[in-house]
Protein backbone atom coordinates (compact mmCIF):
# COMPACT_ATOMS: atom_id res chain seq x y z
CA UNK A 1 -32.08 30.72 -6.09
CA UNK A 2 -28.99 29.98 -3.98
CA UNK A 3 -26.53 27.26 -4.55
CA UNK A 4 -27.94 25.40 -1.53
CA UNK A 5 -31.46 25.41 -3.07
CA UNK A 6 -30.28 23.89 -6.32
CA UNK A 7 -30.74 20.17 -6.87
CA UNK A 8 -27.53 18.29 -6.30
CA UNK A 9 -27.23 17.08 -9.89
CA UNK A 10 -27.82 20.51 -11.27
CA UNK A 11 -25.39 22.05 -8.78
CA UNK A 12 -22.56 19.86 -10.06
CA UNK A 13 -23.43 20.65 -13.59
CA UNK A 14 -23.48 24.36 -12.90
CA UNK A 15 -20.20 24.14 -10.96
CA UNK A 16 -18.58 22.32 -13.93
CA UNK A 17 -19.90 24.97 -16.36
CA UNK A 18 -18.49 27.75 -14.22
CA UNK A 19 -15.12 26.13 -13.84
CA UNK A 20 -14.85 25.49 -17.55
CA UNK A 21 -15.70 29.16 -18.16
CA UNK A 22 -12.89 30.26 -15.81
CA UNK A 23 -15.14 31.28 -12.91
CA UNK A 24 -13.33 29.30 -10.28
CA UNK A 25 -14.73 31.35 -7.42
CA UNK A 26 -18.28 30.66 -8.70
CA UNK A 27 -17.56 26.95 -8.97
CA UNK A 28 -16.09 26.88 -5.43
CA UNK A 29 -19.15 28.59 -4.01
CA UNK A 30 -21.31 25.75 -5.33
CA UNK A 31 -18.95 22.83 -4.57
CA UNK A 32 -17.84 23.79 -1.11
CA UNK A 33 -21.31 23.43 0.58
CA UNK A 34 -21.94 20.16 -1.30
CA UNK A 35 -18.53 18.73 -0.34
CA UNK A 36 -19.37 19.41 3.36
CA UNK A 37 -22.68 17.41 3.29
CA UNK A 38 -21.77 13.93 4.28
CA UNK A 39 -25.39 12.73 3.69
CA UNK A 40 -25.46 14.17 0.18
CA UNK A 41 -25.07 11.41 -2.54
CA UNK A 42 -22.97 13.88 -4.62
CA UNK A 43 -20.69 14.79 -1.67
CA UNK A 44 -17.73 12.67 -2.81
CA UNK A 45 -17.92 13.98 -6.39
CA UNK A 46 -18.26 17.53 -5.21
CA UNK A 47 -15.19 17.03 -2.94
CA UNK A 48 -13.13 15.90 -5.95
CA UNK A 49 -14.32 18.84 -8.00
CA UNK A 50 -13.59 21.24 -5.16
CA UNK A 51 -10.06 19.82 -4.86
CA UNK A 52 -9.44 20.47 -8.52
CA UNK A 53 -10.82 24.04 -8.32
CA UNK A 54 -8.83 24.88 -5.24
CA UNK A 55 -5.68 23.49 -6.81
CA UNK A 56 -6.16 25.81 -9.77
CA UNK A 57 -6.73 28.66 -7.44
CA UNK A 58 -3.45 28.03 -5.70
CA UNK A 59 -5.00 26.82 -2.39
CA UNK A 60 -2.97 23.57 -2.15
CA UNK A 61 -3.88 22.90 1.48
CA UNK A 62 -7.55 23.50 0.80
CA UNK A 63 -7.31 21.22 -2.21
CA UNK A 64 -5.77 18.48 -0.07
CA UNK A 65 -8.48 18.81 2.50
CA UNK A 66 -11.14 18.40 -0.16
CA UNK A 67 -9.28 15.41 -1.64
CA UNK A 68 -9.09 13.77 1.85
CA UNK A 69 -12.88 14.32 2.18
CA UNK A 70 -13.37 12.45 -1.04
CA UNK A 71 -11.06 9.69 0.04
CA UNK A 72 -12.88 9.40 3.41
CA UNK A 73 -16.16 8.93 1.57
CA UNK A 74 -15.19 5.40 0.55
CA UNK A 75 -16.82 5.96 -2.82
CA UNK A 76 -15.21 3.54 -5.29
CA UNK A 77 -14.73 6.14 -8.00
CA UNK A 78 -14.31 9.45 -6.22
CA UNK A 79 -12.40 8.12 -3.20
CA UNK A 80 -9.85 6.76 -5.64
CA UNK A 81 -9.74 10.09 -7.51
CA UNK A 82 -9.27 11.95 -4.26
CA UNK A 83 -6.35 9.73 -3.26
CA UNK A 84 -4.78 10.15 -6.76
CA UNK A 85 -5.04 13.85 -6.38
CA UNK A 86 -3.33 13.76 -3.02
CA UNK A 87 -0.58 11.47 -4.29
CA UNK A 88 0.20 13.63 -7.35
CA UNK A 89 0.29 16.73 -5.26
CA UNK A 90 2.68 15.22 -2.75
CA UNK A 91 4.96 13.97 -5.52
CA UNK A 92 4.99 17.41 -7.07
CA UNK A 93 6.08 18.86 -3.75
CA UNK A 94 8.68 16.15 -3.09
CA UNK A 95 6.80 14.75 -0.04
CA UNK A 96 7.70 11.21 -0.95
CA UNK A 97 6.45 9.38 2.20
CA UNK A 98 3.05 11.04 1.92
CA UNK A 99 2.90 10.40 -1.80
CA UNK A 100 3.58 6.70 -1.17
CA UNK A 101 0.82 6.56 1.55
CA UNK A 102 -1.66 8.21 -0.82
CA UNK A 103 -0.85 5.86 -3.70
CA UNK A 104 -1.23 2.94 -1.22
CA UNK A 105 -4.68 4.37 -0.37
CA UNK A 106 -5.56 4.20 -4.03
CA UNK A 107 -4.69 0.52 -3.97
CA UNK A 108 -6.71 0.11 -0.80
CA UNK A 109 -9.75 1.53 -2.41
CA UNK A 110 -9.33 -1.20 -4.99
CA UNK A 111 -11.11 0.41 -7.98
CA UNK A 112 -9.58 -1.46 -11.01
CA UNK A 113 -9.37 1.63 -13.36
CA UNK A 114 -6.86 3.28 -10.89
CA UNK A 115 -4.76 0.30 -9.83
CA UNK A 116 -2.37 0.40 -12.89
CA UNK A 117 -1.31 4.00 -12.32
CA UNK A 118 -1.01 3.48 -8.52
CA UNK A 119 1.22 0.37 -8.87
CA UNK A 120 3.42 2.03 -11.42
CA UNK A 121 3.75 5.07 -9.17
CA UNK A 122 4.63 2.91 -6.17
CA UNK A 123 7.23 1.05 -8.26
CA UNK A 124 8.72 4.42 -9.32
CA UNK A 125 8.97 5.58 -5.69
CA UNK A 126 10.56 2.27 -4.65
CA UNK A 127 13.20 2.62 -7.36
CA UNK A 128 13.87 6.14 -6.13
CA UNK A 129 14.63 4.70 -2.73
CA UNK A 130 16.75 1.82 -4.11
CA UNK A 131 14.17 -0.78 -3.07
CA UNK A 132 14.31 -3.10 -5.97
CA UNK A 133 12.31 -5.87 -4.38
CA UNK A 134 9.28 -3.59 -3.72
CA UNK A 135 9.61 -2.10 -7.17
CA UNK A 136 9.40 -5.56 -8.65
CA UNK A 137 6.37 -6.38 -6.55
CA UNK A 138 4.45 -3.31 -7.88
CA UNK A 139 5.57 -3.80 -11.43
CA UNK A 140 4.26 -7.33 -11.36
CA UNK A 141 0.99 -6.04 -9.92
CA UNK A 142 0.78 -3.42 -12.65
CA UNK A 143 1.40 -6.12 -15.32
CA UNK A 144 -1.34 -8.29 -13.70
CA UNK A 145 -3.91 -5.51 -14.33
CA UNK A 146 -3.67 -6.36 -18.11
CA UNK A 147 -3.97 -2.62 -18.96
CA UNK A 148 -2.56 -2.42 -22.54
CA UNK A 149 -0.45 0.66 -21.92
CA UNK A 150 0.62 0.00 -18.35
CA UNK A 151 1.25 -3.67 -18.74
CA UNK A 152 3.68 -2.92 -21.63
CA UNK A 153 5.59 -0.30 -19.47
CA UNK A 154 5.64 -2.58 -16.41
CA UNK A 155 6.89 -5.47 -18.40
CA UNK A 156 9.70 -3.55 -20.01
CA UNK A 157 10.88 -2.03 -16.76
CA UNK A 158 10.66 -5.43 -14.95
CA UNK A 159 12.32 -7.34 -17.80
CA UNK A 160 15.23 -4.91 -17.99
CA UNK A 161 15.75 -5.18 -14.23
CA UNK A 162 15.65 -8.98 -14.38
CA UNK A 163 18.11 -9.08 -17.26
CA UNK A 164 20.54 -6.87 -15.27
CA UNK A 165 20.15 -9.34 -12.42
CA UNK A 166 20.96 -12.33 -14.75
CA UNK A 167 17.42 -13.64 -14.56
CA UNK A 168 16.83 -14.04 -18.29
CA UNK A 169 14.34 -16.93 -18.03
CA UNK A 170 12.15 -14.96 -15.65
CA UNK A 171 12.45 -11.88 -17.86
CA UNK A 172 11.25 -13.91 -20.82
CA UNK A 173 8.26 -15.14 -18.82
CA UNK A 174 7.35 -11.50 -17.96
CA UNK A 175 7.59 -10.41 -21.60
CA UNK A 176 5.49 -13.34 -22.83
CA UNK A 177 2.77 -12.41 -20.29
CA UNK A 178 2.74 -8.84 -21.53
CA UNK A 179 2.54 -9.97 -25.16
CA UNK A 180 -0.47 -12.03 -24.32
CA UNK A 181 -2.29 -8.90 -23.03
CA UNK A 182 -5.04 -7.99 -25.59
CA UNK A 183 -4.03 -4.82 -27.41
CA UNK A 184 -0.79 -4.45 -25.56
CA UNK A 185 1.17 -1.31 -26.51
CA UNK A 186 4.73 -1.32 -27.94
CA UNK A 187 4.62 -5.00 -28.90
CA UNK A 188 7.73 -4.65 -31.13
CA UNK A 189 9.73 -3.33 -28.19
CA UNK A 190 8.54 -6.19 -26.05
CA UNK A 191 9.61 -8.67 -28.76
CA UNK A 192 13.07 -7.13 -28.95
CA UNK A 193 13.53 -7.44 -25.24
CA UNK A 194 12.24 -11.08 -25.47
CA UNK A 195 14.89 -11.72 -28.06
CA UNK A 196 17.54 -10.23 -25.80
CA UNK A 197 16.36 -12.46 -22.96
CA UNK A 198 16.63 -15.54 -25.20
CA UNK A 199 20.14 -14.46 -26.24
CA UNK A 200 21.13 -14.27 -22.55
CA UNK A 201 19.51 -17.68 -21.98
CA UNK A 202 21.57 -18.99 -24.92
CA UNK A 203 24.75 -17.63 -23.51
CA UNK A 204 24.00 -19.36 -20.17
CA UNK A 205 23.47 -22.71 -21.98
CA UNK A 206 26.68 -22.37 -24.06
CA UNK A 207 28.71 -21.41 -21.00
CA UNK A 208 27.26 -24.38 -19.12
CA UNK A 209 28.24 -26.68 -21.94
CA UNK A 210 31.79 -25.35 -21.89
CA UNK A 211 32.03 -25.77 -18.11
CA UNK A 212 30.67 -29.30 -18.16
CA UNK A 213 32.95 -30.37 -21.02
CA UNK A 214 32.33 -33.12 -23.61
CA UNK A 215 34.21 -34.12 -26.70
CA UNK A 216 36.53 -31.56 -28.39
CA UNK A 217 34.18 -30.90 -31.29
CA UNK A 218 31.17 -30.20 -29.05
CA UNK A 219 33.21 -28.03 -26.73
CA UNK A 220 34.66 -26.08 -29.57
CA UNK A 221 31.15 -25.48 -30.99
CA UNK A 222 29.94 -24.25 -27.61
CA UNK A 223 32.92 -21.94 -27.31
CA UNK A 224 32.37 -20.47 -30.82
CA UNK A 225 28.65 -19.98 -30.23
CA UNK A 226 29.26 -18.28 -26.88
CA UNK A 227 32.02 -16.10 -28.28
CA UNK A 228 29.93 -15.03 -31.29
CA UNK A 229 26.74 -14.41 -29.19
CA UNK A 230 28.29 -12.31 -26.46
CA UNK A 231 29.04 -9.32 -28.68
CA UNK A 232 25.34 -9.13 -29.54
CA UNK A 233 24.80 -8.20 -25.86
CA UNK A 234 27.62 -5.72 -25.90
CA UNK A 235 30.08 -8.02 -24.12
CA UNK A 236 33.05 -7.92 -26.61
CA UNK A 237 35.66 -8.29 -23.86
CA UNK A 238 33.96 -11.41 -22.52
CA UNK A 239 33.83 -12.82 -26.08
CA UNK A 240 37.53 -12.25 -26.50
CA UNK A 241 38.19 -14.05 -23.19
CA UNK A 242 36.10 -17.01 -24.43
CA UNK A 243 38.12 -17.26 -27.69
CA UNK A 244 41.33 -17.03 -25.67
CA UNK A 245 40.19 -19.78 -23.33
CA UNK A 246 39.59 -22.04 -26.26
CA UNK A 247 42.72 -21.16 -28.14
CA UNK A 248 44.91 -21.69 -25.09
CA UNK A 249 43.19 -24.75 -23.79
CA UNK A 250 45.56 -27.55 -22.60
CA UNK A 251 43.70 -30.08 -24.85
CA UNK A 252 45.44 -29.54 -28.14
CA UNK A 253 42.54 -31.15 -30.08
CA UNK A 254 40.06 -28.63 -28.61
CA UNK A 255 42.35 -25.64 -29.15
CA UNK A 256 42.82 -26.78 -32.76
CA UNK A 257 39.10 -27.05 -33.32
CA UNK A 258 38.57 -23.59 -31.84
CA UNK A 259 41.33 -22.07 -34.01
CA UNK A 260 39.72 -23.52 -37.14
CA UNK A 261 36.28 -22.12 -36.19
CA UNK A 262 37.81 -18.65 -35.48
CA UNK A 263 39.66 -18.61 -38.75
CA UNK A 264 36.81 -19.65 -40.98
CA UNK A 265 34.39 -17.33 -39.19
CA UNK A 266 31.33 -19.61 -39.35
CA UNK A 267 29.77 -22.37 -37.35
């Protein structure tokens, strides 16, 4: 009995068995005819299988052709797999524009299971090109998928970016969204970043209080809190500048209050 005479389901099973046994040529002989039959219900799956087999055989162009056939099928599962195969191959070869287009094709297929990986990949490519705005867009999309692993990674990357940009409040919102994801991975790391975001928010409030000014006691308290919080964010030089600002202030009552707080080392 020839491969063409086998029932489609059995043909795929046989091809899988041969591939797992190391007979890639035998698997290709079964998959290639199936992948070429557009009216066959197993065509898309066969095309994905053929892409994998050809990749292992070193036929990268043939593998891409098979992956494109799978993508062209429009099948929600195997079209997405075909696009992923294309994207990963293009990234491996440093063909960044084509990799981006393939990952965008995954997003276009819209199959939920593949969207987290696609958005993270597109964010990674955007970072590589220095396009922070696009990277943020895809990180937010990855977070919105609520995938426990990907949401955690996306939130961490996005929060770190936002903290660098001085957007502590927005970073905190992102981290809270991730922590509300059922089964989210690396929750302790997310909580640490959330704490850092709140420290930055606190620094902003203390600095605002100093700038606005009030009575000497309140201003001195704000100066001390800011100066003692900044080192927790690795900003020792800024903390010293804040102490110096208070100690050298023209208002002698304020400078006296600051000196007392510095000397006793407590709020």
